[in-house]
Structure formats: C-alpha cells, structure tokens
C-alpha cells in the first residue's frame, strides 16, 4: 500500500491540551476518516476514550482511534494518509510537540 506522509509548517503545529486531550490539525487535502470525507481546513480533534472526534464549524465526524505514545516527541504534526484506494484515508496523526500518535482503525501504520 502506498503511503503519503504530509508534514505541516509551523502554523499547523498541533497545540495539545493534556487535560482534555484536544489537538488542532490542518488538512491540506481532502481525506476520509471512518468513511466520511473531511475537506481541507483546520480541525479540532478531541480524543474521547477509544474514539477521535473531528470538528470544524458544523462538521463533526467520529472515528475509532487508538492513542499511542512514541519513544520521542514529534517536532511537527504529521498526518499519514493511505492513498491506495479511490479515496485518501487518514491512517495516523502524529501530534507535534508531543509523543502522542493517533492510529485509526484499519491502519497499517506502525511505530515510526
């Protein structure tokens, strides 16, 4: 499967709030999560147990997600996108400034 790793500039760095596990990410291209297409833009991603909730304006999309801790902090926010099928799918989000990684169901991304 072909993987595309999108790295965002300083303005798109995730701002993590440890208390409520809310992160900010920017999509530069359309991508789907849990079968729903997300348009490019700035999203608030709130982790609630075993799911991530993407919010932008009136758009709210929930997706099963596993929160993992890497061995090192990520310098920038990175979104791994699987573009092997008809629709680009978010498989993983690495939160800049933290060691937090969100892995989405069906993902083949591992420990990078």
Protein backbone atom coordinates (compact mmCIF):
# COMPACT_ATOMS: atom_id res chain seq x y z
CA UNK A 1 0.00 0.00 0.00
CA UNK A 2 1.27 3.39 -0.91
CA UNK A 3 1.69 5.82 1.99
CA UNK A 4 1.94 9.55 1.82
CA UNK A 5 3.22 11.42 4.84
CA UNK A 6 2.15 15.02 4.94
CA UNK A 7 4.16 17.36 7.15
CA UNK A 8 2.79 20.74 8.02
CA UNK A 9 4.63 24.03 8.68
CA UNK A 10 4.85 25.84 11.97
CA UNK A 11 1.34 27.31 11.69
CA UNK A 12 -0.11 23.82 11.52
CA UNK A 13 1.71 22.50 14.57
CA UNK A 14 -0.64 20.77 16.94
CA UNK A 15 -1.39 22.53 20.18
CA UNK A 16 -2.00 19.86 22.79
CA UNK A 17 -4.02 20.31 25.92
CA UNK A 18 -3.14 17.43 28.21
CA UNK A 19 -6.19 17.91 30.41
CA UNK A 20 -8.87 17.37 27.79
CA UNK A 21 -6.81 15.70 25.04
CA UNK A 22 -7.81 18.18 22.37
CA UNK A 23 -5.49 18.79 19.45
CA UNK A 24 -5.56 21.08 16.43
CA UNK A 25 -4.62 19.76 12.99
CA UNK A 26 -4.75 21.17 9.48
CA UNK A 27 -5.64 19.08 6.45
CA UNK A 28 -4.14 20.38 3.21
CA UNK A 29 -6.10 17.95 1.03
CA UNK A 30 -9.40 16.06 1.24
CA UNK A 31 -9.11 12.82 3.21
CA UNK A 32 -11.55 10.42 4.81
CA UNK A 33 -11.76 9.04 8.30
CA UNK A 34 -14.23 6.31 9.25
CA UNK A 35 -15.73 6.50 5.74
CA UNK A 36 -16.51 10.23 5.90
CA UNK A 37 -14.61 12.70 3.74
CA UNK A 38 -13.08 15.67 5.52
CA UNK A 39 -12.48 18.80 3.47
CA UNK A 40 -9.17 20.68 3.73
CA UNK A 41 -9.07 23.03 6.70
CA UNK A 42 -8.33 23.43 10.39
CA UNK A 43 -9.88 20.82 12.69
CA UNK A 44 -10.13 20.42 16.41
CA UNK A 45 -9.58 16.75 17.24
CA UNK A 46 -10.84 15.67 20.64
CA UNK A 47 -9.89 12.24 21.96
CA UNK A 48 -12.69 10.62 23.96
CA UNK A 49 -11.72 7.15 25.14
CA UNK A 50 -11.28 4.94 22.07
CA UNK A 51 -12.52 7.48 19.53
CA UNK A 52 -11.41 10.75 17.99
CA UNK A 53 -13.93 13.46 17.18
CA UNK A 54 -13.02 15.83 14.32
CA UNK A 55 -14.75 19.23 14.48
CA UNK A 56 -14.71 22.14 12.04
CA UNK A 57 -17.67 24.51 12.08
CA UNK A 58 -20.82 22.39 11.86
CA UNK A 59 -18.87 19.34 10.67
CA UNK A 60 -18.48 16.67 13.36
CA UNK A 61 -17.01 13.25 12.50
CA UNK A 62 -16.26 10.46 14.97
CA UNK A 63 -13.74 7.70 14.26
CA UNK A 64 -12.37 4.78 16.26
CA UNK A 65 -8.80 5.64 17.28
CA UNK A 66 -6.03 4.21 19.38
CA UNK A 67 -3.81 6.63 21.30
CA UNK A 68 -0.16 5.55 21.39
CA UNK A 69 2.93 7.09 22.93
CA UNK A 70 6.11 7.13 20.84
CA UNK A 71 9.64 6.90 22.22
CA UNK A 72 10.32 10.50 21.18
CA UNK A 73 8.45 13.76 20.69
CA UNK A 74 7.41 14.72 17.18
CA UNK A 75 8.86 18.04 16.00
CA UNK A 76 5.88 18.77 13.73
CA UNK A 77 2.39 17.45 13.28
CA UNK A 78 2.31 14.77 10.61
CA UNK A 79 -0.71 13.11 9.05
CA UNK A 80 -0.17 9.74 7.41
CA UNK A 81 -2.56 9.28 4.50
CA UNK A 82 -3.19 5.96 2.75
CA UNK A 83 -3.99 6.87 -0.84
CA UNK A 84 -4.00 3.35 -2.28
CA UNK A 85 -7.77 3.27 -2.87
CA UNK A 86 -10.23 5.60 -4.54
CA UNK A 87 -10.30 7.89 -1.52
CA UNK A 88 -7.34 9.10 0.58
CA UNK A 89 -7.74 7.83 4.16
CA UNK A 90 -6.16 9.16 7.32
CA UNK A 91 -4.32 6.28 8.95
CA UNK A 92 -2.35 8.11 11.63
CA UNK A 93 -1.81 11.56 13.13
CA UNK A 94 1.44 12.35 14.96
CA UNK A 95 0.97 15.37 17.21
CA UNK A 96 3.82 17.91 17.00
CA UNK A 97 5.45 18.85 20.31
CA UNK A 98 4.23 15.63 21.92
CA UNK A 99 4.97 11.92 21.78
CA UNK A 100 1.29 11.24 21.02
CA UNK A 101 0.18 9.31 17.97
CA UNK A 102 -3.45 8.66 16.99
CA UNK A 103 -3.85 5.46 14.95
CA UNK A 104 -7.11 4.91 13.12
CA UNK A 105 -8.82 1.54 12.60
CA UNK A 106 -7.73 -0.36 9.53
CA UNK A 107 -4.40 1.42 9.59
CA UNK A 108 -1.19 -0.33 8.65
CA UNK A 109 0.98 2.47 10.03
CA UNK A 110 3.25 1.31 12.81
CA UNK A 111 5.79 2.72 15.22
CA UNK A 112 7.58 5.23 13.01
